[in-house]
Amino acid sequence: MTLEKVLVVSTTPSFESQDFSATDRLVYKLVAIKNLAIYWNAKDHALSAESDQEMAGIMDAMIFREGRKAPTNLNYILKPVNVDLKIRLRKSNIPDLLTPKLTLECNCEEIALHLEERQWTQSMQTIDWIVSFKKRERYRRYRPIDCTPKQNPKAWWRFAIKSVMQDLHEKRTQFKSETITLRRHLRLKYMDLWEQFLQKKSPVLTQDLELLERQLSLE
């Protein structure tokens, strides 16, 4: 992905630039994204340079900029596009049925997508690798690290059995009353801590929230 620049400014209700006022009930922001592009070179090699300055120059030359010759060594999936995002944010956390907490308006130029067969194949292979990695990570603590299945079949059978038993245990316990009660308690506690965090941030609240996030799933 390449990006020329991102500009974020405070504005008036008509989205004209001005300084932010702490007394305003609503906050208006304009986010300008310039020349955002996504490329995928199916036949390519890693970038290399003898110095950080040389590497910075190579990477800068890969960014599409108006008034400069477009890079010829990039196969774009998403051709360079400019996007303006208008944001209206209500500062108060108190629910208000008449005024949304967040309002977004997105204006962009024509979006041009181009995908070749080799790009599609490689992207699917990458997604498969990520999914496989996440699956292996789930059972990594049981996986033998100092032997192959042929060297120690018993250890690998133990690994397979423990992995299956973990899934069965989670399925059996997730609908038990104790588990449901604990999950409800943790979520209510998280909501309370998050409300306190929004009002006044502190290292203690941040640590407590991180501990709860490790225990709670996204479901």
N, C-alpha and C. Protein backbone atom coordinates (compact mmCIF):
# COMPACT_ATOMS: atom_id res chain seq x y z
N MET A 1 0.85 -1.18 0.00
CA MET A 1 0.00 0.00 0.00
C MET A 1 0.89 1.24 0.00
N THR A 2 0.52 2.24 -0.76
CA THR A 2 1.23 3.52 -0.77
C THR A 2 0.24 4.64 -0.49
N LEU A 3 0.75 5.70 0.10
CA LEU A 3 -0.10 6.83 0.48
C LEU A 3 0.76 8.09 0.47
N GLU A 4 0.30 9.10 -0.25
CA GLU A 4 1.08 10.35 -0.31
C GLU A 4 1.00 11.10 1.01
N LYS A 5 -0.22 11.32 1.53
CA LYS A 5 -0.34 12.00 2.82
C LYS A 5 -1.77 11.90 3.34
N VAL A 6 -1.89 12.12 4.66
CA VAL A 6 -3.19 12.19 5.32
C VAL A 6 -3.23 13.50 6.10
N LEU A 7 -4.28 14.26 5.90
CA LEU A 7 -4.44 15.55 6.56
C LEU A 7 -5.71 15.52 7.41
N VAL A 8 -5.57 15.85 8.70
CA VAL A 8 -6.71 15.91 9.61
C VAL A 8 -6.78 17.30 10.21
N VAL A 9 -7.91 18.00 10.01
CA VAL A 9 -8.05 19.37 10.52
C VAL A 9 -9.42 19.53 11.17
N SER A 10 -9.49 20.43 12.15
CA SER A 10 -10.76 20.83 12.74
C SER A 10 -11.41 21.87 11.84
N THR A 11 -12.74 21.82 11.75
CA THR A 11 -13.44 22.71 10.83
C THR A 11 -14.69 23.31 11.47
N THR A 12 -15.33 24.18 10.73
CA THR A 12 -16.63 24.73 11.09
C THR A 12 -17.70 23.73 10.67
N PRO A 13 -18.98 23.96 11.04
CA PRO A 13 -20.05 23.05 10.59
C PRO A 13 -20.16 22.92 9.07
N SER A 14 -19.63 23.91 8.35
CA SER A 14 -19.64 23.83 6.88
C SER A 14 -18.34 23.22 6.37
N PHE A 15 -17.53 22.69 7.29
CA PHE A 15 -16.27 22.01 6.98
C PHE A 15 -15.25 22.93 6.31
N GLU A 16 -15.17 24.15 6.87
CA GLU A 16 -14.11 25.08 6.51
C GLU A 16 -13.12 25.13 7.67
N SER A 17 -11.85 25.19 7.38
CA SER A 17 -10.82 25.06 8.40
C SER A 17 -10.92 26.15 9.46
N GLN A 18 -10.80 25.74 10.74
CA GLN A 18 -10.75 26.68 11.86
C GLN A 18 -10.20 25.95 13.08
N ASP A 19 -9.81 26.70 14.10
CA ASP A 19 -9.30 26.10 15.33
C ASP A 19 -10.42 25.48 16.13
N PHE A 20 -10.08 24.42 16.87
CA PHE A 20 -11.07 23.71 17.68
C PHE A 20 -11.38 24.49 18.96
N SER A 21 -12.65 24.55 19.33
CA SER A 21 -13.08 25.20 20.56
C SER A 21 -13.56 24.15 21.55
N ALA A 22 -13.02 24.18 22.77
CA ALA A 22 -13.36 23.17 23.78
C ALA A 22 -14.79 23.30 24.27
N THR A 23 -15.44 24.45 24.01
CA THR A 23 -16.81 24.66 24.50
C THR A 23 -17.86 24.17 23.51
N ASP A 24 -17.47 23.81 22.31
CA ASP A 24 -18.44 23.36 21.31
C ASP A 24 -19.02 22.01 21.70
N ARG A 25 -20.33 21.86 21.46
CA ARG A 25 -21.00 20.58 21.76
C ARG A 25 -20.65 19.53 20.72
N LEU A 26 -20.49 19.96 19.49
CA LEU A 26 -20.14 19.06 18.39
C LEU A 26 -18.76 19.42 17.85
N VAL A 27 -18.04 18.39 17.47
CA VAL A 27 -16.71 18.58 16.89
C VAL A 27 -16.77 18.17 15.42
N TYR A 28 -16.22 19.01 14.56
CA TYR A 28 -16.21 18.74 13.13
C TYR A 28 -14.76 18.55 12.67
N LYS A 29 -14.53 17.45 11.96
CA LYS A 29 -13.20 17.13 11.47
C LYS A 29 -13.26 16.81 9.98
N LEU A 30 -12.22 17.18 9.29
CA LEU A 30 -12.08 16.83 7.88
C LEU A 30 -10.80 16.03 7.71
N VAL A 31 -10.95 14.81 7.19
CA VAL A 31 -9.80 13.94 6.94
C VAL A 31 -9.61 13.82 5.43
N ALA A 32 -8.47 14.27 4.96
CA ALA A 32 -8.16 14.21 3.53
C ALA A 32 -7.08 13.17 3.28
N ILE A 33 -7.42 12.15 2.52
CA ILE A 33 -6.48 11.08 2.17
C ILE A 33 -6.10 11.27 0.71
N LYS A 34 -4.82 11.44 0.48
CA LYS A 34 -4.35 11.79 -0.87
C LYS A 34 -3.55 10.65 -1.49
N ASN A 35 -4.01 10.23 -2.67
CA ASN A 35 -3.33 9.21 -3.47
C ASN A 35 -3.07 7.91 -2.70
N LEU A 36 -4.15 7.36 -2.21
CA LEU A 36 -4.10 6.04 -1.58
C LEU A 36 -4.14 4.98 -2.68
N ALA A 37 -3.23 4.01 -2.59
CA ALA A 37 -3.17 2.97 -3.62
C ALA A 37 -2.74 1.65 -2.98
N ILE A 38 -3.18 0.56 -3.59
CA ILE A 38 -2.78 -0.78 -3.15
C ILE A 38 -2.21 -1.50 -4.36
N TYR A 39 -1.03 -2.05 -4.19
CA TYR A 39 -0.41 -2.79 -5.30
C TYR A 39 0.01 -4.18 -4.84
N TRP A 40 0.14 -5.07 -5.81
CA TRP A 40 0.60 -6.44 -5.53
C TRP A 40 1.44 -6.89 -6.70
N ASN A 41 2.74 -6.93 -6.50
CA ASN A 41 3.64 -7.39 -7.55
C ASN A 41 3.82 -8.89 -7.42
N ALA A 42 3.25 -9.62 -8.36
CA ALA A 42 3.30 -11.08 -8.30
C ALA A 42 4.72 -11.61 -8.45
N LYS A 43 5.50 -10.97 -9.28
CA LYS A 43 6.89 -11.38 -9.48
C LYS A 43 7.78 -10.24 -9.00
N ASP A 44 8.24 -10.36 -7.80
CA ASP A 44 9.04 -9.27 -7.23
C ASP A 44 10.00 -9.82 -6.19
N HIS A 45 10.88 -8.97 -5.72
CA HIS A 45 11.84 -9.36 -4.70
C HIS A 45 11.83 -8.30 -3.59
N ALA A 46 12.40 -8.63 -2.47
CA ALA A 46 12.44 -7.69 -1.35
C ALA A 46 13.31 -6.49 -1.68
N LEU A 47 12.92 -5.32 -1.19
CA LEU A 47 13.71 -4.11 -1.40
C LEU A 47 15.01 -4.20 -0.62
N SER A 48 16.07 -3.67 -1.19
CA SER A 48 17.36 -3.68 -0.51
C SER A 48 18.08 -2.36 -0.80
N ALA A 49 18.86 -1.91 0.19
CA ALA A 49 19.62 -0.68 0.04
C ALA A 49 20.80 -0.73 1.00
N GLU A 50 21.81 0.09 0.71
CA GLU A 50 23.01 0.10 1.54
C GLU A 50 22.91 1.03 2.73
N SER A 51 21.88 1.90 2.74
CA SER A 51 21.71 2.83 3.86
C SER A 51 20.24 3.15 4.03
N ASP A 52 19.90 3.68 5.19
CA ASP A 52 18.52 4.08 5.45
C ASP A 52 18.08 5.19 4.51
N GLN A 53 18.97 6.09 4.21
CA GLN A 53 18.64 7.19 3.30
C GLN A 53 18.32 6.68 1.90
N GLU A 54 19.11 5.72 1.44
CA GLU A 54 18.84 5.13 0.12
C GLU A 54 17.52 4.39 0.11
N MET A 55 17.22 3.64 1.19
CA MET A 55 15.95 2.93 1.28
C MET A 55 14.78 3.91 1.29
N ALA A 56 14.92 5.02 2.02
CA ALA A 56 13.86 6.03 2.05
C ALA A 56 13.60 6.59 0.66
N GLY A 57 14.68 6.79 -0.11
CA GLY A 57 14.52 7.30 -1.47
C GLY A 57 13.81 6.30 -2.38
N ILE A 58 14.14 5.02 -2.24
CA ILE A 58 13.50 3.97 -3.04
C ILE A 58 12.01 3.90 -2.73
N MET A 59 11.67 3.94 -1.44
CA MET A 59 10.28 3.83 -1.04
C MET A 59 9.49 5.08 -1.42
N ASP A 60 10.12 6.25 -1.33
CA ASP A 60 9.45 7.49 -1.72
C ASP A 60 9.13 7.50 -3.21
N ALA A 61 10.04 6.93 -4.01
CA ALA A 61 9.81 6.89 -5.46
C ALA A 61 8.63 5.99 -5.83
N MET A 62 8.22 5.10 -4.93
CA MET A 62 7.11 4.20 -5.21
C MET A 62 5.75 4.84 -4.92
N ILE A 63 5.76 6.04 -4.30
CA ILE A 63 4.50 6.72 -3.97
C ILE A 63 4.04 7.54 -5.15
N PHE A 64 2.79 7.36 -5.54
CA PHE A 64 2.21 8.14 -6.65
C PHE A 64 1.96 9.56 -6.16
N ARG A 65 2.50 10.54 -6.87
CA ARG A 65 2.29 11.95 -6.54
C ARG A 65 1.89 12.69 -7.81
N GLU A 66 0.96 13.62 -7.66
CA GLU A 66 0.55 14.43 -8.81
C GLU A 66 1.69 15.35 -9.22
N GLY A 67 1.87 15.49 -10.52
CA GLY A 67 2.95 16.32 -11.02
C GLY A 67 4.27 15.60 -11.13
N ARG A 68 4.27 14.30 -10.79
CA ARG A 68 5.49 13.51 -10.90
C ARG A 68 5.18 12.25 -11.69
N LYS A 69 6.17 11.74 -12.38
CA LYS A 69 5.95 10.55 -13.20
C LYS A 69 5.51 9.38 -12.33
N ALA A 70 4.44 8.71 -12.76
CA ALA A 70 3.89 7.60 -11.99
C ALA A 70 4.86 6.42 -11.97
N PRO A 71 4.95 5.69 -10.87
CA PRO A 71 5.82 4.51 -10.81
C PRO A 71 5.41 3.48 -11.86
N THR A 72 6.38 2.91 -12.51
CA THR A 72 6.09 1.94 -13.59
C THR A 72 6.30 0.50 -13.14
N ASN A 73 6.83 0.32 -11.93
CA ASN A 73 7.14 -1.04 -11.47
C ASN A 73 6.11 -1.59 -10.50
N LEU A 74 4.93 -0.96 -10.41
CA LEU A 74 3.90 -1.39 -9.48
C LEU A 74 2.66 -1.86 -10.23
N ASN A 75 2.15 -3.03 -9.87
CA ASN A 75 0.89 -3.55 -10.45
C ASN A 75 -0.23 -3.24 -9.47
N TYR A 76 -1.00 -2.21 -9.77
CA TYR A 76 -2.01 -1.74 -8.84
C TYR A 76 -3.24 -2.63 -8.81
N ILE A 77 -3.69 -2.95 -7.60
CA ILE A 77 -5.02 -3.54 -7.41
C ILE A 77 -6.04 -2.41 -7.25
N LEU A 78 -5.70 -1.44 -6.44
CA LEU A 78 -6.49 -0.22 -6.31
C LEU A 78 -5.63 0.94 -6.81
N LYS A 79 -6.05 1.54 -7.90
CA LYS A 79 -5.29 2.65 -8.46
C LYS A 79 -5.42 3.88 -7.54
N PRO A 80 -4.42 4.80 -7.58
CA PRO A 80 -4.41 5.95 -6.66
C PRO A 80 -5.74 6.70 -6.66
N VAL A 81 -6.24 6.98 -5.45
CA VAL A 81 -7.52 7.64 -5.29
C VAL A 81 -7.44 8.63 -4.14
N ASN A 82 -8.17 9.73 -4.26
CA ASN A 82 -8.26 10.73 -3.20
C ASN A 82 -9.60 10.60 -2.48
N VAL A 83 -9.56 10.68 -1.16
CA VAL A 83 -10.77 10.51 -0.35
C VAL A 83 -10.87 11.65 0.65
N ASP A 84 -12.06 12.25 0.77
CA ASP A 84 -12.35 13.25 1.80
C ASP A 84 -13.39 12.66 2.74
N LEU A 85 -13.06 12.64 4.03
CA LEU A 85 -13.95 12.10 5.04
C LEU A 85 -14.36 13.22 5.99
N LYS A 86 -15.67 13.52 6.01
CA LYS A 86 -16.20 14.56 6.89
C LYS A 86 -16.79 13.89 8.14
N ILE A 87 -16.33 14.32 9.30
CA ILE A 87 -16.72 13.70 10.56
C ILE A 87 -17.39 14.72 11.47
N ARG A 88 -18.53 14.32 12.01
CA ARG A 88 -19.19 15.13 13.03
C ARG A 88 -19.31 14.27 14.29
N LEU A 89 -18.70 14.72 15.38
CA LEU A 89 -18.62 13.95 16.61
C LEU A 89 -19.27 14.71 17.76
N ARG A 90 -20.19 14.03 18.46
CA ARG A 90 -20.79 14.61 19.66
C ARG A 90 -19.90 14.26 20.84
N LYS A 91 -19.43 15.26 21.56
CA LYS A 91 -18.44 15.04 22.61
C LYS A 91 -19.03 14.32 23.82
N SER A 92 -20.28 14.57 24.13
CA SER A 92 -20.88 13.96 25.31
C SER A 92 -21.11 12.47 25.09
N ASN A 93 -20.87 11.68 26.15
CA ASN A 93 -21.12 10.24 26.10
C ASN A 93 -22.54 9.87 26.54
N ILE A 94 -23.32 10.87 26.92
CA ILE A 94 -24.71 10.64 27.34
C ILE A 94 -25.55 10.36 26.09
N PRO A 95 -26.31 9.27 26.05
CA PRO A 95 -27.12 8.95 24.87
C PRO A 95 -28.08 10.08 24.50
N ASP A 96 -28.18 10.33 23.20
CA ASP A 96 -29.07 11.36 22.68
C ASP A 96 -29.71 10.82 21.41
N LEU A 97 -31.03 10.60 21.45
CA LEU A 97 -31.73 10.01 20.32
C LEU A 97 -31.84 10.96 19.14
N LEU A 98 -31.66 12.26 19.37
CA LEU A 98 -31.79 13.25 18.30
C LEU A 98 -30.48 13.52 17.57
N THR A 99 -29.37 13.31 18.27
CA THR A 99 -28.07 13.60 17.68
C THR A 99 -27.17 12.38 17.75
N PRO A 100 -26.78 11.82 16.63
CA PRO A 100 -25.90 10.64 16.65
C PRO A 100 -24.55 10.97 17.29
N LYS A 101 -23.96 9.95 17.91
CA LYS A 101 -22.64 10.12 18.50
C LYS A 101 -21.60 10.42 17.43
N LEU A 102 -21.72 9.75 16.29
CA LEU A 102 -20.74 9.92 15.21
C LEU A 102 -21.44 9.89 13.86
N THR A 103 -21.14 10.88 13.04
CA THR A 103 -21.69 10.95 11.69
C THR A 103 -20.53 11.06 10.70
N LEU A 104 -20.54 10.21 9.69
CA LEU A 104 -19.47 10.19 8.69
C LEU A 104 -20.03 10.44 7.30
N GLU A 105 -19.32 11.23 6.53
CA GLU A 105 -19.67 11.44 5.12
C GLU A 105 -18.40 11.28 4.30
N CYS A 106 -18.43 10.33 3.40
CA CYS A 106 -17.23 10.00 2.62
C CYS A 106 -17.42 10.41 1.16
N ASN A 107 -16.49 11.20 0.65
CA ASN A 107 -16.49 11.61 -0.75
C ASN A 107 -15.19 11.14 -1.39
N CYS A 108 -15.32 10.41 -2.48
CA CYS A 108 -14.10 9.94 -3.15
C CYS A 108 -14.29 9.97 -4.66
N GLU A 109 -13.17 9.97 -5.33
CA GLU A 109 -13.21 9.95 -6.78
C GLU A 109 -13.55 8.55 -7.26
N GLU A 110 -13.48 8.36 -8.55
CA GLU A 110 -13.73 7.04 -9.13
C GLU A 110 -12.75 6.02 -8.56
N ILE A 111 -13.27 4.87 -8.13
CA ILE A 111 -12.43 3.80 -7.59
C ILE A 111 -12.19 2.77 -8.69
N ALA A 112 -10.93 2.60 -9.04
CA ALA A 112 -10.57 1.67 -10.12
C ALA A 112 -9.86 0.47 -9.53
N LEU A 113 -10.46 -0.71 -9.71
CA LEU A 113 -9.87 -1.95 -9.21
C LEU A 113 -9.43 -2.82 -10.38
N HIS A 114 -8.28 -3.45 -10.23
CA HIS A 114 -7.77 -4.32 -11.28
C HIS A 114 -7.06 -5.49 -10.61
N LEU A 115 -7.49 -6.71 -10.93
CA LEU A 115 -6.93 -7.89 -10.28
C LEU A 115 -6.60 -8.95 -11.33
N GLU A 116 -5.33 -9.31 -11.39
CA GLU A 116 -4.91 -10.35 -12.32
C GLU A 116 -5.01 -11.72 -11.66
N GLU A 117 -4.98 -12.75 -12.49
CA GLU A 117 -5.13 -14.12 -11.97
C GLU A 117 -4.02 -14.47 -10.99
N ARG A 118 -2.78 -14.10 -11.30
CA ARG A 118 -1.66 -14.42 -10.41
C ARG A 118 -1.80 -13.66 -9.09
N GLN A 119 -2.27 -12.40 -9.14
CA GLN A 119 -2.47 -11.63 -7.91
C GLN A 119 -3.54 -12.29 -7.04
N TRP A 120 -4.63 -12.73 -7.69
CA TRP A 120 -5.70 -13.39 -6.96
C TRP A 120 -5.20 -14.68 -6.29
N THR A 121 -4.45 -15.47 -7.04
CA THR A 121 -3.94 -16.74 -6.51
C THR A 121 -3.04 -16.51 -5.31
N GLN A 122 -2.12 -15.56 -5.43
CA GLN A 122 -1.19 -15.30 -4.34
C GLN A 122 -1.89 -14.70 -3.12
N SER A 123 -2.88 -13.85 -3.34
CA SER A 123 -3.61 -13.28 -2.20
C SER A 123 -4.39 -14.36 -1.47
N MET A 124 -4.99 -15.32 -2.19
CA MET A 124 -5.70 -16.42 -1.55
C MET A 124 -4.74 -17.32 -0.77
N GLN A 125 -3.55 -17.53 -1.33
CA GLN A 125 -2.55 -18.32 -0.63
C GLN A 125 -2.10 -17.64 0.66
N THR A 126 -1.99 -16.32 0.61
CA THR A 126 -1.60 -15.57 1.81
C THR A 126 -2.68 -15.66 2.88
N ILE A 127 -3.94 -15.54 2.48
CA ILE A 127 -5.05 -15.65 3.44
C ILE A 127 -5.08 -17.04 4.05
N ASP A 128 -4.88 -18.07 3.22
CA ASP A 128 -4.84 -19.45 3.73
C ASP A 128 -3.71 -19.62 4.74
N TRP A 129 -2.56 -19.01 4.47
CA TRP A 129 -1.42 -19.11 5.38
C TRP A 129 -1.74 -18.44 6.72
N ILE A 130 -2.41 -17.28 6.68
CA ILE A 130 -2.76 -16.57 7.91
C ILE A 130 -3.75 -17.39 8.73
N VAL A 131 -4.76 -17.96 8.06
CA VAL A 131 -5.74 -18.79 8.77
C VAL A 131 -5.06 -20.01 9.39
N SER A 132 -4.16 -20.64 8.62
CA SER A 132 -3.45 -21.80 9.14
C SER A 132 -2.56 -21.43 10.32
N PHE A 133 -1.93 -20.27 10.24
CA PHE A 133 -1.08 -19.81 11.34
C PHE A 133 -1.89 -19.57 12.61
N LYS A 134 -3.06 -18.92 12.46
CA LYS A 134 -3.91 -18.66 13.62
C LYS A 134 -4.39 -19.97 14.25
N LYS A 135 -4.66 -20.96 13.41
CA LYS A 135 -5.09 -22.26 13.93
C LYS A 135 -3.95 -22.94 14.69
N ARG A 136 -2.75 -22.88 14.14
CA ARG A 136 -1.60 -23.47 14.83
C ARG A 136 -1.29 -22.74 16.13
N GLU A 137 -1.48 -21.44 16.13
CA GLU A 137 -1.20 -20.65 17.33
C GLU A 137 -2.11 -21.06 18.48
N ARG A 138 -3.34 -21.44 18.16
CA ARG A 138 -4.31 -21.83 19.18
C ARG A 138 -3.84 -23.05 19.97
N TYR A 139 -3.17 -23.97 19.30
CA TYR A 139 -2.74 -25.22 19.94
C TYR A 139 -1.22 -25.29 20.13
N ARG A 140 -0.55 -24.17 19.99
CA ARG A 140 0.92 -24.17 20.00
C ARG A 140 1.49 -24.66 21.33
N ARG A 141 0.80 -24.37 22.44
CA ARG A 141 1.35 -24.77 23.75
C ARG A 141 1.41 -26.29 23.91
N TYR A 142 0.63 -27.04 23.11
CA TYR A 142 0.65 -28.50 23.20
C TYR A 142 1.61 -29.14 22.20
N ARG A 143 2.08 -28.35 21.23
CA ARG A 143 2.83 -28.91 20.10
C ARG A 143 4.27 -29.25 20.50
N PRO A 144 4.74 -30.46 20.23
CA PRO A 144 6.15 -30.81 20.51
C PRO A 144 7.09 -29.97 19.65
N ILE A 145 8.20 -29.55 20.23
CA ILE A 145 9.12 -28.67 19.52
C ILE A 145 10.49 -29.31 19.28
N ASP A 146 10.74 -30.45 19.90
CA ASP A 146 12.08 -31.05 19.80
C ASP A 146 12.09 -32.40 19.10
N CYS A 147 11.00 -32.71 18.40
CA CYS A 147 10.96 -34.00 17.71
C CYS A 147 9.95 -33.96 16.58
N THR A 148 10.09 -34.87 15.65
CA THR A 148 9.15 -35.01 14.55
C THR A 148 8.16 -36.14 14.88
N PRO A 149 7.03 -36.23 14.14
CA PRO A 149 6.09 -37.33 14.39
C PRO A 149 6.74 -38.71 14.26
N LYS A 150 7.71 -38.85 13.37
CA LYS A 150 8.36 -40.14 13.19
C LYS A 150 9.28 -40.46 14.37
N GLN A 151 9.92 -39.43 14.92
CA GLN A 151 10.84 -39.65 16.04
C GLN A 151 10.11 -39.97 17.34
N ASN A 152 8.97 -39.30 17.55
CA ASN A 152 8.23 -39.50 18.81
C ASN A 152 6.73 -39.47 18.53
N PRO A 153 6.18 -40.55 17.98
CA PRO A 153 4.74 -40.58 17.67
C PRO A 153 3.87 -40.35 18.90
N LYS A 154 4.30 -40.83 20.06
CA LYS A 154 3.50 -40.70 21.28
C LYS A 154 3.28 -39.23 21.64
N ALA A 155 4.34 -38.42 21.54
CA ALA A 155 4.23 -36.99 21.87
C ALA A 155 3.26 -36.30 20.92
N TRP A 156 3.30 -36.67 19.65
CA TRP A 156 2.40 -36.02 18.67
C TRP A 156 0.97 -36.50 18.81
N TRP A 157 0.75 -37.75 19.21
CA TRP A 157 -0.60 -38.21 19.50
C TRP A 157 -1.15 -37.47 20.73
N ARG A 158 -0.27 -37.25 21.71
CA ARG A 158 -0.68 -36.51 22.89
C ARG A 158 -1.08 -35.07 22.52
N PHE A 159 -0.31 -34.50 21.59
CA PHE A 159 -0.61 -33.15 21.10
C PHE A 159 -1.99 -33.11 20.42
N ALA A 160 -2.28 -34.09 19.57
CA ALA A 160 -3.57 -34.14 18.88
C ALA A 160 -4.72 -34.34 19.86
N ILE A 161 -4.54 -35.21 20.83
CA ILE A 161 -5.61 -35.49 21.80
C ILE A 161 -5.89 -34.26 22.66
N LYS A 162 -4.84 -33.59 23.14
CA LYS A 162 -5.04 -32.40 23.97
C LYS A 162 -5.73 -31.27 23.20
N SER A 163 -5.39 -31.14 21.92
CA SER A 163 -6.01 -30.10 21.10
C SER A 163 -7.50 -30.35 20.94
N VAL A 164 -7.86 -31.61 20.65
CA VAL A 164 -9.29 -31.95 20.51
C VAL A 164 -10.01 -31.81 21.84
N MET A 165 -9.37 -32.23 22.93
CA MET A 165 -9.98 -32.13 24.25
C MET A 165 -10.21 -30.68 24.65
N GLN A 166 -9.33 -29.79 24.24
CA GLN A 166 -9.52 -28.36 24.53
C GLN A 166 -10.79 -27.84 23.87
N ASP A 167 -10.99 -28.19 22.59
CA ASP A 167 -12.20 -27.76 21.89
C ASP A 167 -13.45 -28.33 22.54
N LEU A 168 -13.41 -29.60 22.90
CA LEU A 168 -14.57 -30.23 23.54
C LEU A 168 -14.88 -29.59 24.89
N HIS A 169 -13.85 -29.29 25.64
CA HIS A 169 -14.04 -28.67 26.95
C HIS A 169 -14.69 -27.29 26.81
N GLU A 170 -14.24 -26.51 25.84
CA GLU A 170 -14.81 -25.18 25.63
C GLU A 170 -16.28 -25.27 25.22
N LYS A 171 -16.61 -26.24 24.34
CA LYS A 171 -17.99 -26.39 23.90
C LYS A 171 -18.91 -26.83 25.04
N ARG A 172 -18.39 -27.68 25.92
CA ARG A 172 -19.21 -28.19 27.02
C ARG A 172 -19.43 -27.15 28.12
N THR A 173 -18.47 -26.26 28.30
CA THR A 173 -18.55 -25.32 29.42
C THR A 173 -19.14 -23.96 29.04
N GLN A 174 -19.19 -23.63 27.75
CA GLN A 174 -19.59 -22.27 27.39
C GLN A 174 -21.06 -21.98 27.69
N PHE A 175 -21.91 -23.03 27.81
CA PHE A 175 -23.32 -22.80 28.10
C PHE A 175 -23.71 -23.19 29.54
N LYS A 176 -22.73 -23.48 30.37
CA LYS A 176 -23.01 -23.75 31.77
C LYS A 176 -23.36 -22.45 32.49
N SER A 177 -24.20 -22.57 33.50
CA SER A 177 -24.65 -21.38 34.22
C SER A 177 -23.48 -20.62 34.85
N GLU A 178 -22.47 -21.35 35.36
CA GLU A 178 -21.32 -20.69 35.98
C GLU A 178 -20.55 -19.86 34.95
N THR A 179 -20.39 -20.44 33.73
CA THR A 179 -19.66 -19.73 32.69
C THR A 179 -20.42 -18.50 32.23
N ILE A 180 -21.72 -18.63 32.04
CA ILE A 180 -22.54 -17.51 31.60
C ILE A 180 -22.54 -16.40 32.65
N THR A 181 -22.64 -16.77 33.93
CA THR A 181 -22.63 -15.79 35.01
C THR A 181 -21.29 -15.06 35.07
N LEU A 182 -20.19 -15.82 34.93
CA LEU A 182 -18.87 -15.20 34.96
C LEU A 182 -18.68 -14.26 33.78
N ARG A 183 -19.12 -14.69 32.58
CA ARG A 183 -18.98 -13.85 31.39
C ARG A 183 -19.77 -12.55 31.54
N ARG A 184 -20.98 -12.66 32.09
CA ARG A 184 -21.80 -11.47 32.31
C ARG A 184 -21.13 -10.52 33.31
N HIS A 185 -20.58 -11.09 34.37
CA HIS A 185 -19.91 -10.27 35.37
C HIS A 185 -18.71 -9.54 34.77
N LEU A 186 -17.92 -10.25 33.97
CA LEU A 186 -16.74 -9.63 33.38
C LEU A 186 -17.12 -8.54 32.38
N ARG A 187 -18.16 -8.76 31.61
CA ARG A 187 -18.57 -7.76 30.63
C ARG A 187 -19.12 -6.51 31.31
N LEU A 188 -19.91 -6.68 32.37
CA LEU A 188 -20.41 -5.52 33.12
C LEU A 188 -19.27 -4.75 33.76
N LYS A 189 -18.29 -5.49 34.26
CA LYS A 189 -17.12 -4.85 34.85
C LYS A 189 -16.34 -4.09 33.79
N TYR A 190 -16.21 -4.68 32.61
CA TYR A 190 -15.50 -4.02 31.52
C TYR A 190 -16.21 -2.73 31.11
N MET A 191 -17.54 -2.77 31.00
CA MET A 191 -18.30 -1.58 30.63
C MET A 191 -18.12 -0.47 31.65
N ASP A 192 -18.14 -0.83 32.94
CA ASP A 192 -17.95 0.16 33.99
C ASP A 192 -16.56 0.77 33.94
N LEU A 193 -15.54 -0.07 33.75
CA LEU A 193 -14.17 0.44 33.66
C LEU A 193 -13.97 1.32 32.42
N TRP A 194 -14.60 0.93 31.32
CA TRP A 194 -14.48 1.71 30.09
C TRP A 194 -15.11 3.09 30.24
N GLU A 195 -16.25 3.15 30.94
CA GLU A 195 -16.90 4.44 31.18
C GLU A 195 -16.00 5.33 32.05
N GLN A 196 -15.36 4.74 33.07
CA GLN A 196 -14.42 5.50 33.90
C GLN A 196 -13.21 5.95 33.09
N PHE A 197 -12.77 5.08 32.18
CA PHE A 197 -11.61 5.39 31.36
C PHE A 197 -11.88 6.56 30.43
N LEU A 198 -13.10 6.64 29.88
CA LEU A 198 -13.46 7.75 29.01
C LEU A 198 -13.49 9.08 29.76
N GLN A 199 -13.87 9.03 31.02
CA GLN A 199 -13.94 10.24 31.81
C GLN A 199 -12.58 10.69 32.31
N LYS A 200 -11.75 9.73 32.71
CA LYS A 200 -10.42 10.05 33.23
C LYS A 200 -9.48 8.87 33.01
N LYS A 201 -8.55 9.04 32.10
CA LYS A 201 -7.62 7.97 31.78
C LYS A 201 -6.55 7.86 32.87
N SER A 202 -6.17 6.62 33.17
CA SER A 202 -5.12 6.39 34.15
C SER A 202 -4.44 5.06 33.85
N PRO A 203 -3.17 4.90 34.23
CA PRO A 203 -2.46 3.63 33.99
C PRO A 203 -3.14 2.43 34.64
N VAL A 204 -3.75 2.65 35.82
CA VAL A 204 -4.41 1.55 36.53
C VAL A 204 -5.61 1.05 35.73
N LEU A 205 -6.44 1.98 35.23
CA LEU A 205 -7.60 1.59 34.43
C LEU A 205 -7.16 0.91 33.14
N THR A 206 -6.11 1.42 32.52
CA THR A 206 -5.61 0.81 31.29
C THR A 206 -5.17 -0.62 31.53
N GLN A 207 -4.48 -0.87 32.63
CA GLN A 207 -4.04 -2.22 32.96
C GLN A 207 -5.21 -3.15 33.23
N ASP A 208 -6.22 -2.66 33.98
CA ASP A 208 -7.40 -3.47 34.28
C ASP A 208 -8.16 -3.82 33.00
N LEU A 209 -8.28 -2.87 32.09
CA LEU A 209 -8.97 -3.12 30.83
C LEU A 209 -8.22 -4.15 29.99
N GLU A 210 -6.91 -4.06 29.95
CA GLU A 210 -6.11 -5.02 29.18
C GLU A 210 -6.26 -6.43 29.74
N LEU A 211 -6.32 -6.56 31.06
CA LEU A 211 -6.50 -7.88 31.67
C LEU A 211 -7.86 -8.46 31.31
N LEU A 212 -8.90 -7.63 31.31
CA LEU A 212 -10.24 -8.12 30.94
C LEU A 212 -10.31 -8.47 29.47
N GLU A 213 -9.63 -7.72 28.63
CA GLU A 213 -9.65 -7.98 27.19
C GLU A 213 -9.01 -9.32 26.86
N ARG A 214 -8.07 -9.75 27.68
CA ARG A 214 -7.46 -11.06 27.47
C ARG A 214 -8.41 -12.19 27.85
N GLN A 215 -9.32 -11.91 28.76
CA GLN A 215 -10.28 -12.94 29.20
C GLN A 215 -11.53 -13.00 28.34
N LEU A 216 -11.92 -11.85 27.80
CA LEU A 216 -13.18 -11.78 27.04
C LEU A 216 -12.91 -11.96 25.55
N SER A 217 -13.84 -12.63 24.88
CA SER A 217 -13.74 -12.78 23.43
C SER A 217 -14.50 -11.65 22.76
N LEU A 218 -14.41 -11.61 21.42
CA LEU A 218 -15.12 -10.57 20.67
C LEU A 218 -16.55 -10.94 20.38
N GLU A 219 -16.94 -12.19 20.65
CA GLU A 219 -18.31 -12.60 20.34
C GLU A 219 -19.28 -12.04 21.35
